Amino acid sequence: MEAKFIGLALNNPNWNKLCSLVTRRHEDWIELSKCGSFEGNFYEPDPHITLYYNEDCPKGPNYLYWVSTCYCKAQYEAIKGFDSILLLDPYIDTFNKDDARVLKVNVLASNCNAKNIITSWHDRIQEKLPPDNYPTYHPHITVTYLKPDTPDSVVNKMVEELQTEKLEFKPTEILIGGGEDAEYKSFRFELI
């Protein structure tokens, strides 16, 4: 069994309320084929930060868990120690993939230097695994996937509707996932 993904699950009681602004009226622009795991929503119901993603990673979930917690112990312990990560003036935008525009909240300024810790965690993970599928790492929380041809005017309107002064998250679990075509979605390990 191979694993492709390491993520940091986040809890925010207001996430569903915020993302409920991504509704059926946006359906024409949502890349529904990418939203299969969204449990009938048009947005990502489980906010998380991807720490590593490689579709061709030959390692299993136990190895990815070991790398993300034991090998990266300093980063794991630092994040585990936060009661919350408060994103100040969250910056929402998109990045383009071949098959979608990803609407996301960037992890930038926070109350606890989270961006630097998470970036360091990502870099350290890569010391033990094949390179990430994305050459430049930008920690973010995916809101939804839009069709590649979604006009900037639609994106700008969505960003405006989602804009908030702050977002607060509590890191809760390490996610180890099998990728889009795997026999399992993910294993969840509570931060202990």
C-alpha atoms as a PDB file:
ATOM      1  CA  MET A   1       0.000   0.000   0.000  1.00  0.00           C
ATOM      2  CA  GLU A   2       1.560   3.276  -1.101  1.00  0.00           C
ATOM      3  CA  ALA A   3       0.937   6.728   0.341  1.00  0.00           C
ATOM      4  CA  LYS A   4       1.098   9.963  -1.641  1.00  0.00           C
ATOM      5  CA  PHE A   5       0.155  12.709   0.779  1.00  0.00           C
ATOM      6  CA  ILE A   6       1.008  14.133   4.197  1.00  0.00           C
ATOM      7  CA  GLY A   7      -1.208  16.854   5.614  1.00  0.00           C
ATOM      8  CA  LEU A   8      -1.873  18.763   8.794  1.00  0.00           C
ATOM      9  CA  ALA A   9      -5.585  18.677   9.668  1.00  0.00           C
ATOM     10  CA  LEU A  10      -6.981  21.877  11.124  1.00  0.00           C
ATOM     11  CA  ASN A  11     -10.091  22.521  13.162  1.00  0.00           C
ATOM     12  CA  ASN A  12     -12.030  25.750  12.690  1.00  0.00           C
ATOM     13  CA  PRO A  13     -15.617  25.807  13.918  1.00  0.00           C
ATOM     14  CA  ASN A  14     -16.420  28.613  11.457  1.00  0.00           C
ATOM     15  CA  TRP A  15     -14.923  26.956   8.346  1.00  0.00           C
ATOM     16  CA  ASN A  16     -18.231  25.590   7.068  1.00  0.00           C
ATOM     17  CA  LYS A  17     -19.922  28.938   7.655  1.00  0.00           C
ATOM     18  CA  LEU A  18     -17.193  30.798   5.785  1.00  0.00           C
ATOM     19  CA  CYS A  19     -17.049  28.325   2.915  1.00  0.00           C
ATOM     20  CA  SER A  20     -20.819  28.085   2.651  1.00  0.00           C
ATOM     21  CA  LEU A  21     -20.400  31.225   0.542  1.00  0.00           C
ATOM     22  CA  VAL A  22     -19.180  28.806  -2.153  1.00  0.00           C
ATOM     23  CA  THR A  23     -22.638  27.605  -3.129  1.00  0.00           C
ATOM     24  CA  ARG A  24     -24.726  26.171  -5.905  1.00  0.00           C
ATOM     25  CA  ARG A  25     -24.743  29.593  -7.596  1.00  0.00           C
ATOM     26  CA  HIS A  26     -21.034  28.958  -8.291  1.00  0.00           C
ATOM     27  CA  GLU A  27     -21.687  25.458  -9.608  1.00  0.00           C
ATOM     28  CA  ASP A  28     -20.950  26.401 -13.214  1.00  0.00           C
ATOM     29  CA  TRP A  29     -17.410  27.312 -12.158  1.00  0.00           C
ATOM     30  CA  ILE A  30     -16.686  24.506  -9.687  1.00  0.00           C
ATOM     31  CA  GLU A  31     -14.617  21.609 -11.042  1.00  0.00           C
ATOM     32  CA  LEU A  32     -16.957  18.970  -9.653  1.00  0.00           C
ATOM     33  CA  SER A  33     -14.721  16.083 -10.742  1.00  0.00           C
ATOM     34  CA  LYS A  34     -12.069  17.358  -8.280  1.00  0.00           C
ATOM     35  CA  CYS A  35     -14.604  17.723  -5.458  1.00  0.00           C
ATOM     36  CA  GLY A  36     -15.394  14.025  -5.096  1.00  0.00           C
ATOM     37  CA  SER A  37     -14.152  13.912  -1.520  1.00  0.00           C
ATOM     38  CA  PHE A  38     -16.078  17.020  -0.515  1.00  0.00           C
ATOM     39  CA  GLU A  39     -19.092  15.069   0.811  1.00  0.00           C
ATOM     40  CA  GLY A  40     -21.645  16.830  -1.404  1.00  0.00           C
ATOM     41  CA  ASN A  41     -20.242  20.283  -0.691  1.00  0.00           C
ATOM     42  CA  PHE A  42     -18.738  22.667  -3.192  1.00  0.00           C
ATOM     43  CA  TYR A  43     -15.822  23.355  -0.844  1.00  0.00           C
ATOM     44  CA  GLU A  44     -13.242  21.371   1.117  1.00  0.00           C
ATOM     45  CA  PRO A  45     -15.033  20.314   4.340  1.00  0.00           C
ATOM     46  CA  ASP A  46     -11.824  19.278   6.146  1.00  0.00           C
ATOM     47  CA  PRO A  47      -9.388  22.185   6.182  1.00  0.00           C
ATOM     48  CA  HIS A  48      -5.776  21.063   6.069  1.00  0.00           C
ATOM     49  CA  ILE A  49      -2.330  22.162   4.968  1.00  0.00           C
ATOM     50  CA  THR A  50      -0.572  19.810   2.587  1.00  0.00           C
ATOM     51  CA  LEU A  51       2.950  19.109   3.823  1.00  0.00           C
ATOM     52  CA  TYR A  52       3.891  16.701   1.021  1.00  0.00           C
ATOM     53  CA  TYR A  53       2.328  15.373  -2.181  1.00  0.00           C
ATOM     54  CA  ASN A  54       3.802  13.024  -4.777  1.00  0.00           C
ATOM     55  CA  GLU A  55       1.626  10.738  -6.928  1.00  0.00           C
ATOM     56  CA  ASP A  56       4.599   8.418  -7.527  1.00  0.00           C
ATOM     57  CA  CYS A  57       5.831   8.073  -3.943  1.00  0.00           C
ATOM     58  CA  PRO A  58       6.786   4.410  -3.442  1.00  0.00           C
ATOM     59  CA  LYS A  59       6.567   4.509   0.364  1.00  0.00           C
ATOM     60  CA  GLY A  60       3.766   3.264   2.611  1.00  0.00           C
ATOM     61  CA  PRO A  61       1.689   5.141   5.182  1.00  0.00           C
ATOM     62  CA  ASN A  62       3.775   3.964   8.155  1.00  0.00           C
ATOM     63  CA  TYR A  63       6.940   5.374   6.603  1.00  0.00           C
ATOM     64  CA  LEU A  64       5.268   8.715   5.813  1.00  0.00           C
ATOM     65  CA  TYR A  65       3.966   8.899   9.371  1.00  0.00           C
ATOM     66  CA  TRP A  66       7.459   8.177  10.746  1.00  0.00           C
ATOM     67  CA  VAL A  67       9.006  10.840   8.505  1.00  0.00           C
ATOM     68  CA  SER A  68       6.430  13.483   9.423  1.00  0.00           C
ATOM     69  CA  THR A  69       6.517  12.874  13.190  1.00  0.00           C
ATOM     70  CA  CYS A  70       9.819  11.246  14.246  1.00  0.00           C
ATOM     71  CA  TYR A  71      12.260  12.414  11.574  1.00  0.00           C
ATOM     72  CA  CYS A  72      10.661  15.878  11.671  1.00  0.00           C
ATOM     73  CA  LYS A  73      10.258  15.857  15.437  1.00  0.00           C
ATOM     74  CA  ALA A  74      11.192  19.526  15.999  1.00  0.00           C
ATOM     75  CA  GLN A  75       8.582  20.776  13.522  1.00  0.00           C
ATOM     76  CA  TYR A  76       5.952  18.286  14.736  1.00  0.00           C
ATOM     77  CA  GLU A  77       6.494  19.307  18.364  1.00  0.00           C
ATOM     78  CA  ALA A  78       6.416  23.031  17.497  1.00  0.00           C
ATOM     79  CA  ILE A  79       3.052  22.775  15.704  1.00  0.00           C
ATOM     80  CA  LYS A  80       1.656  20.391  18.319  1.00  0.00           C
ATOM     81  CA  GLY A  81       2.450  22.992  20.961  1.00  0.00           C
ATOM     82  CA  PHE A  82       0.141  25.629  19.463  1.00  0.00           C
ATOM     83  CA  ASP A  83      -3.338  25.960  20.896  1.00  0.00           C
ATOM     84  CA  SER A  84      -4.200  27.768  17.696  1.00  0.00           C
ATOM     85  CA  ILE A  85      -2.787  29.255  14.532  1.00  0.00           C
ATOM     86  CA  LEU A  86      -4.275  32.683  13.951  1.00  0.00           C
ATOM     87  CA  LEU A  87      -3.942  33.841  10.346  1.00  0.00           C
ATOM     88  CA  LEU A  88      -3.938  37.620  10.272  1.00  0.00           C
ATOM     89  CA  ASP A  89      -5.473  39.293   7.214  1.00  0.00           C
ATOM     90  CA  PRO A  90      -5.779  35.976   5.355  1.00  0.00           C
ATOM     91  CA  TYR A  91      -4.841  36.355   1.714  1.00  0.00           C
ATOM     92  CA  ILE A  92      -7.147  34.392  -0.577  1.00  0.00           C
ATOM     93  CA  ASP A  93      -6.263  33.770  -4.221  1.00  0.00           C
ATOM     94  CA  THR A  94      -5.810  30.956  -6.739  1.00  0.00           C
ATOM     95  CA  PHE A  95      -3.068  28.970  -8.382  1.00  0.00           C
ATOM     96  CA  ASN A  96      -3.422  27.108 -11.647  1.00  0.00           C
ATOM     97  CA  LYS A  97      -3.065  23.390 -12.202  1.00  0.00           C
ATOM     98  CA  ASP A  98      -3.568  21.667 -15.555  1.00  0.00           C
ATOM     99  CA  ASP A  99      -7.064  20.540 -14.591  1.00  0.00           C
ATOM    100  CA  ALA A 100      -8.237  23.254 -12.155  1.00  0.00           C
ATOM    101  CA  ARG A 101      -7.748  26.635 -10.517  1.00  0.00           C
ATOM    102  CA  VAL A 102      -7.290  26.087  -6.793  1.00  0.00           C
ATOM    103  CA  LEU A 103      -9.043  28.685  -4.631  1.00  0.00           C
ATOM    104  CA  LYS A 104      -6.995  28.844  -1.426  1.00  0.00           C
ATOM    105  CA  VAL A 105      -6.207  30.649   1.791  1.00  0.00           C
ATOM    106  CA  ASN A 106      -2.480  31.328   2.018  1.00  0.00           C
ATOM    107  CA  VAL A 107      -0.655  30.650   5.266  1.00  0.00           C
ATOM    108  CA  LEU A 108       1.291  33.879   5.636  1.00  0.00           C
ATOM    109  CA  ALA A 109       1.319  36.126   8.708  1.00  0.00           C
ATOM    110  CA  SER A 110       0.243  34.394  11.892  1.00  0.00           C
ATOM    111  CA  ASN A 111       0.491  34.718  15.641  1.00  0.00           C
ATOM    112  CA  CYS A 112       3.058  31.937  15.880  1.00  0.00           C
ATOM    113  CA  ASN A 113       5.402  31.918  12.885  1.00  0.00           C
ATOM    114  CA  ALA A 114       3.435  28.987  11.458  1.00  0.00           C
ATOM    115  CA  LYS A 115       4.506  29.585   7.860  1.00  0.00           C
ATOM    116  CA  ASN A 116       8.203  29.164   8.645  1.00  0.00           C
ATOM    117  CA  ILE A 117       7.621  26.062  10.765  1.00  0.00           C
ATOM    118  CA  ILE A 118       5.371  24.461   8.144  1.00  0.00           C
ATOM    119  CA  THR A 119       7.785  25.313   5.322  1.00  0.00           C
ATOM    120  CA  SER A 120      10.669  23.867   7.336  1.00  0.00           C
ATOM    121  CA  TRP A 121       8.555  20.739   7.984  1.00  0.00           C
ATOM    122  CA  HIS A 122       7.881  20.352   4.246  1.00  0.00           C
ATOM    123  CA  ASP A 123      11.583  20.799   3.402  1.00  0.00           C
ATOM    124  CA  ARG A 124      12.685  18.267   6.026  1.00  0.00           C
ATOM    125  CA  ILE A 125      10.116  15.690   4.818  1.00  0.00           C
ATOM    126  CA  GLN A 126      11.625  15.978   1.350  1.00  0.00           C
ATOM    127  CA  GLU A 127      15.000  14.849   2.695  1.00  0.00           C
ATOM    128  CA  LYS A 128      13.555  11.327   3.080  1.00  0.00           C
ATOM    129  CA  LEU A 129      11.056  11.145   0.197  1.00  0.00           C
ATOM    130  CA  PRO A 130      11.013  11.689  -3.575  1.00  0.00           C
ATOM    131  CA  PRO A 131      10.528  15.362  -4.521  1.00  0.00           C
ATOM    132  CA  ASP A 132       7.080  16.863  -4.116  1.00  0.00           C
ATOM    133  CA  ASN A 133       5.002  17.136  -7.322  1.00  0.00           C
ATOM    134  CA  TYR A 134       5.048  20.923  -6.930  1.00  0.00           C
ATOM    135  CA  PRO A 135       8.535  22.446  -7.227  1.00  0.00           C
ATOM    136  CA  THR A 136       7.741  25.559  -5.176  1.00  0.00           C
ATOM    137  CA  TYR A 137       6.035  25.114  -1.822  1.00  0.00           C
ATOM    138  CA  HIS A 138       3.404  27.626  -0.693  1.00  0.00           C
ATOM    139  CA  PRO A 139       1.574  26.524   2.461  1.00  0.00           C
ATOM    140  CA  HIS A 140      -2.150  27.020   1.968  1.00  0.00           C
ATOM    141  CA  ILE A 141      -5.597  25.714   2.832  1.00  0.00           C
ATOM    142  CA  THR A 142      -7.675  24.708  -0.193  1.00  0.00           C
ATOM    143  CA  VAL A 143     -11.182  26.173  -0.293  1.00  0.00           C
ATOM    144  CA  THR A 144     -12.325  24.577  -3.578  1.00  0.00           C
ATOM    145  CA  TYR A 145     -11.327  23.654  -7.121  1.00  0.00           C
ATOM    146  CA  LEU A 146     -12.538  25.860  -9.947  1.00  0.00           C
ATOM    147  CA  LYS A 147     -12.617  25.015 -13.642  1.00  0.00           C
ATOM    148  CA  PRO A 148      -9.411  26.067 -15.419  1.00  0.00           C
ATOM    149  CA  ASP A 149     -11.295  28.592 -17.584  1.00  0.00           C
ATOM    150  CA  THR A 150     -13.045  30.345 -14.685  1.00  0.00           C
ATOM    151  CA  PRO A 151     -12.900  34.078 -15.497  1.00  0.00           C
ATOM    152  CA  ASP A 152     -10.880  36.321 -13.212  1.00  0.00           C
ATOM    153  CA  SER A 153     -14.043  38.372 -12.576  1.00  0.00           C
ATOM    154  CA  VAL A 154     -15.725  35.304 -11.019  1.00  0.00           C
ATOM    155  CA  VAL A 155     -12.620  34.469  -8.985  1.00  0.00           C
ATOM    156  CA  ASN A 156     -12.310  38.066  -7.768  1.00  0.00           C
ATOM    157  CA  LYS A 157     -15.960  38.086  -6.654  1.00  0.00           C
ATOM    158  CA  MET A 158     -15.492  34.817  -4.752  1.00  0.00           C
ATOM    159  CA  VAL A 159     -12.330  36.126  -3.091  1.00  0.00           C
ATOM    160  CA  GLU A 160     -14.146  39.294  -2.080  1.00  0.00           C
ATOM    161  CA  GLU A 161     -17.020  37.285  -0.547  1.00  0.00           C
ATOM    162  CA  LEU A 162     -14.636  35.006   1.363  1.00  0.00           C
ATOM    163  CA  GLN A 163     -12.347  37.765   2.658  1.00  0.00           C
ATOM    164  CA  THR A 164     -12.204  37.963   6.437  1.00  0.00           C
ATOM    165  CA  GLU A 165     -10.034  39.784   8.965  1.00  0.00           C
ATOM    166  CA  LYS A 166      -8.698  36.638  10.584  1.00  0.00           C
ATOM    167  CA  LEU A 167      -8.995  32.872  10.583  1.00  0.00           C
ATOM    168  CA  GLU A 168      -8.078  30.763  13.560  1.00  0.00           C
ATOM    169  CA  PHE A 169      -7.281  27.057  13.335  1.00  0.00           C
ATOM    170  CA  LYS A 170      -6.273  24.423  15.838  1.00  0.00           C
ATOM    171  CA  PRO A 171      -3.861  21.796  14.469  1.00  0.00           C
ATOM    172  CA  THR A 172      -5.480  18.437  15.257  1.00  0.00           C
ATOM    173  CA  GLU A 173      -4.138  15.517  13.207  1.00  0.00           C
ATOM    174  CA  ILE A 174      -1.539  14.263  10.778  1.00  0.00           C
ATOM    175  CA  LEU A 175      -3.198  12.980   7.604  1.00  0.00           C
ATOM    176  CA  ILE A 176      -1.553  10.297   5.502  1.00  0.00           C
ATOM    177  CA  GLY A 177      -3.345   9.809   2.196  1.00  0.00           C
ATOM    178  CA  GLY A 178      -3.233   7.400  -0.660  1.00  0.00           C
ATOM    179  CA  GLY A 179      -3.925   9.835  -3.482  1.00  0.00           C
ATOM    180  CA  GLU A 180      -6.952  10.205  -5.718  1.00  0.00           C
ATOM    181  CA  ASP A 181      -7.040   6.601  -6.995  1.00  0.00           C
ATOM    182  CA  ALA A 182      -6.122   4.804  -3.764  1.00  0.00           C
ATOM    183  CA  GLU A 183      -8.131   2.090  -2.078  1.00  0.00           C
ATOM    184  CA  TYR A 184      -8.166   4.270   1.067  1.00  0.00           C
ATOM    185  CA  LYS A 185      -8.629   8.022   1.386  1.00  0.00           C
ATOM    186  CA  SER A 186      -6.487   8.732   4.419  1.00  0.00           C
ATOM    187  CA  PHE A 187      -5.300   7.686   7.821  1.00  0.00           C
ATOM    188  CA  ARG A 188      -5.760  10.230  10.580  1.00  0.00           C
ATOM    189  CA  PHE A 189      -3.345  10.424  13.525  1.00  0.00           C
ATOM    190  CA  GLU A 190      -4.165  12.702  16.425  1.00  0.00           C
ATOM    191  CA  LEU A 191      -1.371  15.077  17.452  1.00  0.00           C
ATOM    192  CA  ILE A 192      -0.092  13.565  20.708  1.00  0.00           C
END
